[in-house]
Amino acid sequence: MALLADATKTCERLQKLRTIAEGADEAKAIESLRVELAEFATSVNGLAFSRALFREHDVCLSAAPNLTTTQESVQKALDHFLKAPKATTLRQGTRWTNLTTKLDTLVDKTKVAQSADWMRHFDEHFFGGLPPAKREATLAKTPENERALKRYRELYQSFIQYRTKPPTSAEDFQKLHLLSQQLTAIKFQEDVPEAVRKFLEALSTGAGLHLLTADVLAWLQENGLLANYVVRARNV
């Protein structure tokens, strides 16, 4: 009888250990699914935050693609899990694969749509001037333009980054608006006679005296630049 009692106790103990082991395996399986869903949740929350921020700053947004069907899939998976809260419930058939595929598609398509919406808003509502190199190509190389271009380059570099990296806060939007206004306010000296333009462009390699016409001399004097230049003979 003592042996039977010991055997019974041993069986009961083994059953408890088995239950604990099965519970641990189930917990690991559930945790694995939770981690996978958490990654999607982080992406979706980030997109939702950006969407709300864009709306606050009057950015027109496209409808989130596949949102309704994805919500339905999530709700169905939740309903099944609440009835039978096990990892196997979620992994039954193609249920989990279909769910994660729809979530993945939703995240990818929403990112693409938001990016396109933002770039369109950026191009339509902020400074639309030329990049510094192209702007420089349209200008005479006057000291005034050189100073303005230096400022233009500095501001434009900070400004244009927002086109591909949208603002992530109200403060970023304020900075972007300020940069756009500052770039718009920069004025260049564009009413420069063609003869003066040719003279200034030739200075870097040495302008010939034939370019220093009476009109060029008069323009340099009017703009207080005559003392900026000297005549030197070329080494033969």
C-alpha atoms as a PDB file:
ATOM      1  CA  MET A   1       0.000   0.000   0.000  1.00  0.00           C
ATOM      2  CA  ALA A   2       2.848   2.329   0.811  1.00  0.00           C
ATOM      3  CA  LEU A   3       4.344   1.612  -2.610  1.00  0.00           C
ATOM      4  CA  LEU A   4       1.017   2.383  -4.285  1.00  0.00           C
ATOM      5  CA  ALA A   5       0.723   5.607  -2.334  1.00  0.00           C
ATOM      6  CA  ASP A   6       4.239   6.596  -3.334  1.00  0.00           C
ATOM      7  CA  ALA A   7       3.520   5.764  -6.945  1.00  0.00           C
ATOM      8  CA  THR A   8       0.332   7.834  -6.848  1.00  0.00           C
ATOM      9  CA  LYS A   9       2.163  10.805  -5.380  1.00  0.00           C
ATOM     10  CA  THR A  10       4.885  10.438  -7.980  1.00  0.00           C
ATOM     11  CA  CYS A  11       2.326  10.414 -10.803  1.00  0.00           C
ATOM     12  CA  GLU A  12       0.623  13.491  -9.375  1.00  0.00           C
ATOM     13  CA  ARG A  13       3.961  15.262  -9.121  1.00  0.00           C
ATOM     14  CA  LEU A  14       4.891  14.353 -12.685  1.00  0.00           C
ATOM     15  CA  GLN A  15       1.520  15.634 -13.891  1.00  0.00           C
ATOM     16  CA  LYS A  16       2.094  18.960 -12.143  1.00  0.00           C
ATOM     17  CA  LEU A  17       5.559  19.232 -13.677  1.00  0.00           C
ATOM     18  CA  ARG A  18       4.089  18.451 -17.099  1.00  0.00           C
ATOM     19  CA  THR A  19       1.412  21.110 -16.642  1.00  0.00           C
ATOM     20  CA  ILE A  20       4.052  23.656 -15.631  1.00  0.00           C
ATOM     21  CA  ALA A  21       6.202  22.711 -18.630  1.00  0.00           C
ATOM     22  CA  GLU A  22       3.245  22.959 -21.002  1.00  0.00           C
ATOM     23  CA  GLY A  23       2.358  26.318 -19.480  1.00  0.00           C
ATOM     24  CA  ALA A  24       5.913  27.553 -19.988  1.00  0.00           C
ATOM     25  CA  ASP A  25       5.887  26.442 -23.629  1.00  0.00           C
ATOM     26  CA  GLU A  26       2.550  28.155 -24.175  1.00  0.00           C
ATOM     27  CA  ALA A  27       3.840  31.343 -22.544  1.00  0.00           C
ATOM     28  CA  LYS A  28       6.862  31.323 -24.856  1.00  0.00           C
ATOM     29  CA  ALA A  29       4.661  30.806 -27.903  1.00  0.00           C
ATOM     30  CA  ILE A  30       2.322  33.625 -26.861  1.00  0.00           C
ATOM     31  CA  GLU A  31       5.267  35.931 -26.147  1.00  0.00           C
ATOM     32  CA  SER A  32       6.718  35.254 -29.590  1.00  0.00           C
ATOM     33  CA  LEU A  33       3.434  36.302 -31.210  1.00  0.00           C
ATOM     34  CA  ARG A  34       3.172  39.332 -28.922  1.00  0.00           C
ATOM     35  CA  VAL A  35       6.642  40.539 -29.913  1.00  0.00           C
ATOM     36  CA  GLU A  36       5.783  40.195 -33.594  1.00  0.00           C
ATOM     37  CA  LEU A  37       2.554  42.154 -33.151  1.00  0.00           C
ATOM     38  CA  ALA A  38       4.322  44.782 -31.037  1.00  0.00           C
ATOM     39  CA  GLU A  39       6.588  45.593 -33.977  1.00  0.00           C
ATOM     40  CA  PHE A  40       3.555  46.239 -36.156  1.00  0.00           C
ATOM     41  CA  ALA A  41       1.940  48.268 -33.368  1.00  0.00           C
ATOM     42  CA  THR A  42       5.012  50.499 -33.143  1.00  0.00           C
ATOM     43  CA  SER A  43       4.932  51.152 -36.896  1.00  0.00           C
ATOM     44  CA  VAL A  44       1.179  51.781 -36.955  1.00  0.00           C
ATOM     45  CA  ASN A  45       1.356  54.119 -33.938  1.00  0.00           C
ATOM     46  CA  GLY A  46       4.168  56.071 -35.592  1.00  0.00           C
ATOM     47  CA  LEU A  47       2.148  56.479 -38.776  1.00  0.00           C
ATOM     48  CA  ALA A  48      -0.933  57.488 -36.781  1.00  0.00           C
ATOM     49  CA  PHE A  49       1.105  60.121 -34.914  1.00  0.00           C
ATOM     50  CA  SER A  50       2.463  61.536 -38.189  1.00  0.00           C
ATOM     51  CA  ARG A  51      -1.020  61.550 -39.671  1.00  0.00           C
ATOM     52  CA  ALA A  52      -2.422  63.494 -36.711  1.00  0.00           C
ATOM     53  CA  LEU A  53       0.486  65.964 -36.820  1.00  0.00           C
ATOM     54  CA  PHE A  54       0.049  66.507 -40.562  1.00  0.00           C
ATOM     55  CA  ARG A  55      -3.677  67.144 -40.144  1.00  0.00           C
ATOM     56  CA  GLU A  56      -2.968  69.728 -37.435  1.00  0.00           C
ATOM     57  CA  HIS A  57      -0.801  71.585 -39.950  1.00  0.00           C
ATOM     58  CA  ASP A  58      -3.246  71.380 -42.865  1.00  0.00           C
ATOM     59  CA  VAL A  59      -1.476  68.679 -44.867  1.00  0.00           C
ATOM     60  CA  CYS A  60      -4.011  66.977 -47.163  1.00  0.00           C
ATOM     61  CA  LEU A  61      -3.759  63.214 -46.684  1.00  0.00           C
ATOM     62  CA  SER A  62      -4.892  60.275 -48.777  1.00  0.00           C
ATOM     63  CA  ALA A  63      -7.114  57.626 -47.207  1.00  0.00           C
ATOM     64  CA  ALA A  64      -5.110  54.920 -45.458  1.00  0.00           C
ATOM     65  CA  PRO A  65      -4.999  51.999 -47.934  1.00  0.00           C
ATOM     66  CA  ASN A  66      -6.408  48.595 -46.874  1.00  0.00           C
ATOM     67  CA  LEU A  67      -7.343  49.995 -43.458  1.00  0.00           C
ATOM     68  CA  THR A  68     -10.868  48.541 -43.252  1.00  0.00           C
ATOM     69  CA  THR A  69      -9.933  45.005 -44.323  1.00  0.00           C
ATOM     70  CA  THR A  70      -6.950  45.013 -41.964  1.00  0.00           C
ATOM     71  CA  GLN A  71      -9.108  46.149 -39.043  1.00  0.00           C
ATOM     72  CA  GLU A  72     -11.557  43.332 -39.798  1.00  0.00           C
ATOM     73  CA  SER A  73      -8.749  40.758 -39.806  1.00  0.00           C
ATOM     74  CA  VAL A  74      -7.404  42.035 -36.487  1.00  0.00           C
ATOM     75  CA  GLN A  75     -10.876  41.940 -34.913  1.00  0.00           C
ATOM     76  CA  LYS A  76     -11.538  38.389 -36.141  1.00  0.00           C
ATOM     77  CA  ALA A  77      -8.199  37.177 -34.796  1.00  0.00           C
ATOM     78  CA  LEU A  78      -8.967  38.815 -31.454  1.00  0.00           C
ATOM     79  CA  ASP A  79     -12.426  37.230 -31.270  1.00  0.00           C
ATOM     80  CA  HIS A  80     -10.998  33.763 -31.954  1.00  0.00           C
ATOM     81  CA  PHE A  81      -8.265  34.256 -29.367  1.00  0.00           C
ATOM     82  CA  LEU A  82     -10.694  35.414 -26.669  1.00  0.00           C
ATOM     83  CA  LYS A  83     -12.703  32.232 -27.168  1.00  0.00           C
ATOM     84  CA  ALA A  84      -9.602  30.014 -27.024  1.00  0.00           C
ATOM     85  CA  PRO A  85      -6.621  32.008 -25.673  1.00  0.00           C
ATOM     86  CA  LYS A  86      -3.819  29.861 -27.037  1.00  0.00           C
ATOM     87  CA  ALA A  87      -1.038  30.441 -29.533  1.00  0.00           C
ATOM     88  CA  THR A  88      -2.380  27.597 -31.673  1.00  0.00           C
ATOM     89  CA  THR A  89      -5.643  29.515 -32.051  1.00  0.00           C
ATOM     90  CA  LEU A  90      -3.859  32.384 -33.768  1.00  0.00           C
ATOM     91  CA  ARG A  91      -1.670  30.076 -35.822  1.00  0.00           C
ATOM     92  CA  GLN A  92      -4.506  27.876 -36.983  1.00  0.00           C
ATOM     93  CA  GLY A  93      -4.454  27.439 -40.750  1.00  0.00           C
ATOM     94  CA  THR A  94      -3.363  30.636 -42.504  1.00  0.00           C
ATOM     95  CA  ARG A  95      -4.931  32.944 -39.892  1.00  0.00           C
ATOM     96  CA  TRP A  96      -1.660  34.354 -38.551  1.00  0.00           C
ATOM     97  CA  THR A  97       0.032  34.578 -41.944  1.00  0.00           C
ATOM     98  CA  ASN A  98      -2.929  36.433 -43.426  1.00  0.00           C
ATOM     99  CA  LEU A  99      -3.046  38.815 -40.469  1.00  0.00           C
ATOM    100  CA  THR A 100       0.650  39.707 -40.521  1.00  0.00           C
ATOM    101  CA  THR A 101       0.633  40.024 -44.316  1.00  0.00           C
ATOM    102  CA  LYS A 102      -2.237  42.512 -44.164  1.00  0.00           C
ATOM    103  CA  LEU A 103      -0.539  44.477 -41.396  1.00  0.00           C
ATOM    104  CA  ASP A 104       2.711  44.535 -43.341  1.00  0.00           C
ATOM    105  CA  THR A 105       0.908  45.735 -46.471  1.00  0.00           C
ATOM    106  CA  LEU A 106      -0.965  48.401 -44.514  1.00  0.00           C
ATOM    107  CA  VAL A 107       2.251  49.774 -43.010  1.00  0.00           C
ATOM    108  CA  ASP A 108       4.157  49.793 -46.316  1.00  0.00           C
ATOM    109  CA  LYS A 109       1.365  51.358 -48.386  1.00  0.00           C
ATOM    110  CA  THR A 110       0.580  53.960 -45.732  1.00  0.00           C
ATOM    111  CA  LYS A 111       4.245  54.987 -45.556  1.00  0.00           C
ATOM    112  CA  VAL A 112       4.357  55.436 -49.337  1.00  0.00           C
ATOM    113  CA  ALA A 113       1.069  57.379 -49.372  1.00  0.00           C
ATOM    114  CA  GLN A 114       2.063  59.676 -46.504  1.00  0.00           C
ATOM    115  CA  SER A 115       5.434  60.348 -48.095  1.00  0.00           C
ATOM    116  CA  ALA A 116       3.794  61.305 -51.398  1.00  0.00           C
ATOM    117  CA  ASP A 117       1.213  63.479 -49.604  1.00  0.00           C
ATOM    118  CA  TRP A 118       3.954  65.271 -47.679  1.00  0.00           C
ATOM    119  CA  MET A 119       6.165  65.919 -50.704  1.00  0.00           C
ATOM    120  CA  ARG A 120       3.204  67.335 -52.615  1.00  0.00           C
ATOM    121  CA  HIS A 121       2.351  69.626 -49.689  1.00  0.00           C
ATOM    122  CA  PHE A 122       5.998  70.675 -49.345  1.00  0.00           C
ATOM    123  CA  ASP A 123       6.300  71.566 -53.033  1.00  0.00           C
ATOM    124  CA  GLU A 124       3.015  73.487 -53.063  1.00  0.00           C
ATOM    125  CA  HIS A 125       3.228  75.421 -49.788  1.00  0.00           C
ATOM    126  CA  PHE A 126       6.877  76.160 -49.059  1.00  0.00           C
ATOM    127  CA  PHE A 127       9.749  77.960 -50.766  1.00  0.00           C
ATOM    128  CA  GLY A 128      10.047  76.813 -54.363  1.00  0.00           C
ATOM    129  CA  GLY A 129      13.294  78.454 -55.449  1.00  0.00           C
ATOM    130  CA  LEU A 130      16.149  76.805 -57.305  1.00  0.00           C
ATOM    131  CA  PRO A 131      18.871  74.778 -55.587  1.00  0.00           C
ATOM    132  CA  PRO A 132      21.969  76.913 -54.820  1.00  0.00           C
ATOM    133  CA  ALA A 133      24.045  75.629 -57.760  1.00  0.00           C
ATOM    134  CA  LYS A 134      21.287  76.362 -60.277  1.00  0.00           C
ATOM    135  CA  ARG A 135      20.519  79.721 -58.655  1.00  0.00           C
ATOM    136  CA  GLU A 136      24.172  80.689 -58.803  1.00  0.00           C
ATOM    137  CA  ALA A 137      24.277  79.895 -62.528  1.00  0.00           C
ATOM    138  CA  THR A 138      21.672  82.601 -63.182  1.00  0.00           C
ATOM    139  CA  LEU A 139      23.508  85.357 -61.304  1.00  0.00           C
ATOM    140  CA  ALA A 140      26.335  87.734 -61.998  1.00  0.00           C
ATOM    141  CA  LYS A 141      29.237  87.201 -59.597  1.00  0.00           C
ATOM    142  CA  THR A 142      28.869  90.503 -57.793  1.00  0.00           C
ATOM    143  CA  PRO A 143      29.986  90.833 -54.156  1.00  0.00           C
ATOM    144  CA  GLU A 144      26.371  91.400 -53.179  1.00  0.00           C
ATOM    145  CA  ASN A 145      25.305  88.186 -54.870  1.00  0.00           C
ATOM    146  CA  GLU A 146      28.197  86.248 -53.341  1.00  0.00           C
ATOM    147  CA  ARG A 147      27.084  87.308 -49.863  1.00  0.00           C
ATOM    148  CA  ALA A 148      23.465  86.482 -50.614  1.00  0.00           C
ATOM    149  CA  LEU A 149      24.427  83.094 -52.063  1.00  0.00           C
ATOM    150  CA  LYS A 150      26.386  82.178 -48.953  1.00  0.00           C
ATOM    151  CA  ARG A 151      23.322  82.808 -46.821  1.00  0.00           C
ATOM    152  CA  TYR A 152      21.126  81.065 -49.400  1.00  0.00           C
ATOM    153  CA  ARG A 153      23.252  77.896 -49.324  1.00  0.00           C
ATOM    154  CA  GLU A 154      23.209  77.712 -45.528  1.00  0.00           C
ATOM    155  CA  LEU A 155      19.439  78.095 -45.291  1.00  0.00           C
ATOM    156  CA  TYR A 156      18.642  75.875 -48.261  1.00  0.00           C
ATOM    157  CA  GLN A 157      20.667  72.976 -46.876  1.00  0.00           C
ATOM    158  CA  SER A 158      18.597  72.965 -43.682  1.00  0.00           C
ATOM    159  CA  PHE A 159      15.353  73.636 -45.544  1.00  0.00           C
ATOM    160  CA  ILE A 160      15.506  70.945 -48.227  1.00  0.00           C
ATOM    161  CA  GLN A 161      16.138  68.149 -45.703  1.00  0.00           C
ATOM    162  CA  TYR A 162      12.526  68.454 -44.595  1.00  0.00           C
ATOM    163  CA  ARG A 163      11.313  67.346 -48.027  1.00  0.00           C
ATOM    164  CA  THR A 164      12.491  63.771 -47.492  1.00  0.00           C
ATOM    165  CA  LYS A 165      12.463  63.848 -43.680  1.00  0.00           C
ATOM    166  CA  PRO A 166       9.121  65.384 -42.691  1.00  0.00           C
ATOM    167  CA  PRO A 167       8.660  67.342 -39.449  1.00  0.00           C
ATOM    168  CA  THR A 168       8.035  65.194 -36.382  1.00  0.00           C
ATOM    169  CA  SER A 169       6.823  67.954 -34.066  1.00  0.00           C
ATOM    170  CA  ALA A 170       5.124  71.342 -34.023  1.00  0.00           C
ATOM    171  CA  GLU A 171       8.558  72.880 -33.400  1.00  0.00           C
ATOM    172  CA  ASP A 172       9.847  71.314 -36.621  1.00  0.00           C
ATOM    173  CA  PHE A 173       6.965  72.852 -38.549  1.00  0.00           C
ATOM    174  CA  GLN A 174       7.812  76.255 -37.056  1.00  0.00           C
ATOM    175  CA  LYS A 175      11.454  75.880 -38.109  1.00  0.00           C
ATOM    176  CA  LEU A 176      10.405  74.858 -41.607  1.00  0.00           C
ATOM    177  CA  HIS A 177       8.088  77.846 -42.001  1.00  0.00           C
ATOM    178  CA  LEU A 178      10.844  80.173 -40.783  1.00  0.00           C
ATOM    179  CA  LEU A 179      13.410  78.715 -43.194  1.00  0.00           C
ATOM    180  CA  SER A 180      10.947  79.063 -46.059  1.00  0.00           C
ATOM    181  CA  GLN A 181      10.292  82.710 -45.171  1.00  0.00           C
ATOM    182  CA  GLN A 182      13.998  83.481 -44.796  1.00  0.00           C
ATOM    183  CA  LEU A 183      14.822  81.972 -48.189  1.00  0.00           C
ATOM    184  CA  THR A 184      11.977  83.878 -49.824  1.00  0.00           C
ATOM    185  CA  ALA A 185      13.271  87.127 -48.302  1.00  0.00           C
ATOM    186  CA  ILE A 186      16.751  86.808 -49.836  1.00  0.00           C
ATOM    187  CA  LYS A 187      17.198  89.262 -52.701  1.00  0.00           C
ATOM    188  CA  PHE A 188      19.789  88.943 -55.439  1.00  0.00           C
ATOM    189  CA  GLN A 189      21.276  91.603 -57.683  1.00  0.00           C
ATOM    190  CA  GLU A 190      19.786  90.526 -60.993  1.00  0.00           C
ATOM    191  CA  ASP A 191      19.661  93.761 -62.998  1.00  0.00           C
ATOM    192  CA  VAL A 192      23.308  93.455 -64.052  1.00  0.00           C
ATOM    193  CA  PRO A 193      24.248  94.474 -67.621  1.00  0.00           C
ATOM    194  CA  GLU A 194      25.541  91.660 -69.822  1.00  0.00           C
ATOM    195  CA  ALA A 195      28.926  93.341 -70.253  1.00  0.00           C
ATOM    196  CA  VAL A 196      29.355  93.470 -66.468  1.00  0.00           C
ATOM    197  CA  ARG A 197      28.281  89.850 -66.147  1.00  0.00           C
ATOM    198  CA  LYS A 198      30.925  88.720 -68.654  1.00  0.00           C
ATOM    199  CA  PHE A 199      33.602  90.775 -66.905  1.00  0.00           C
ATOM    200  CA  LEU A 200      32.781  89.336 -63.480  1.00  0.00           C
ATOM    201  CA  GLU A 201      32.627  85.757 -64.781  1.00  0.00           C
ATOM    202  CA  ALA A 202      36.068  86.136 -66.337  1.00  0.00           C
ATOM    203  CA  LEU A 203      37.712  87.417 -63.151  1.00  0.00           C
ATOM    204  CA  SER A 204      38.466  83.962 -61.752  1.00  0.00           C
ATOM    205  CA  THR A 205      40.779  83.178 -64.676  1.00  0.00           C
ATOM    206  CA  GLY A 206      41.861  86.744 -65.364  1.00  0.00           C
ATOM    207  CA  ALA A 207      39.637  89.154 -67.260  1.00  0.00           C
ATOM    208  CA  GLY A 208      41.173  90.751 -70.337  1.00  0.00           C
ATOM    209  CA  LEU A 209      41.185  94.541 -70.601  1.00  0.00           C
ATOM    210  CA  HIS A 210      38.894  94.283 -73.610  1.00  0.00           C
ATOM    211  CA  LEU A 211      36.148  93.291 -71.156  1.00  0.00           C
ATOM    212  CA  LEU A 212      36.677  96.419 -69.059  1.00  0.00           C
ATOM    213  CA  THR A 213      34.464  98.646 -71.181  1.00  0.00           C
ATOM    214  CA  ALA A 214      33.234 102.125 -70.311  1.00  0.00           C
ATOM    215  CA  ASP A 215      29.869 100.658 -69.302  1.00  0.00           C
ATOM    216  CA  VAL A 216      31.582  98.185 -66.979  1.00  0.00           C
ATOM    217  CA  LEU A 217      33.693 100.927 -65.396  1.00  0.00           C
ATOM    218  CA  ALA A 218      30.607 103.084 -64.895  1.00  0.00           C
ATOM    219  CA  TRP A 219      28.692 100.203 -63.284  1.00  0.00           C
ATOM    220  CA  LEU A 220      31.585  99.369 -60.948  1.00  0.00           C
ATOM    221  CA  GLN A 221      31.815 102.993 -59.886  1.00  0.00           C
ATOM    222  CA  GLU A 222      28.055 103.300 -59.320  1.00  0.00           C
ATOM    223  CA  ASN A 223      28.108 100.234 -57.094  1.00  0.00           C
ATOM    224  CA  GLY A 224      31.201 101.302 -55.143  1.00  0.00           C
ATOM    225  CA  LEU A 225      33.257  98.382 -56.458  1.00  0.00           C
ATOM    226  CA  LEU A 226      35.915 100.139 -58.490  1.00  0.00           C
ATOM    227  CA  ALA A 227      38.510  99.865 -55.716  1.00  0.00           C
ATOM    228  CA  ASN A 228      37.944  96.102 -55.465  1.00  0.00           C
ATOM    229  CA  TYR A 229      39.857  95.365 -58.649  1.00  0.00           C
ATOM    230  CA  VAL A 230      43.401  96.004 -59.861  1.00  0.00           C
ATOM    231  CA  VAL A 231      45.125  95.505 -63.212  1.00  0.00           C
ATOM    232  CA  ARG A 232      48.012  93.028 -63.341  1.00  0.00           C
ATOM    233  CA  ALA A 233      50.062  91.931 -66.309  1.00  0.00           C
ATOM    234  CA  ARG A 234      49.922  88.223 -67.139  1.00  0.00           C
ATOM    235  CA  ASN A 235      53.158  86.253 -66.930  1.00  0.00           C
ATOM    236  CA  VAL A 236      54.224  85.396 -70.451  1.00  0.00           C
END
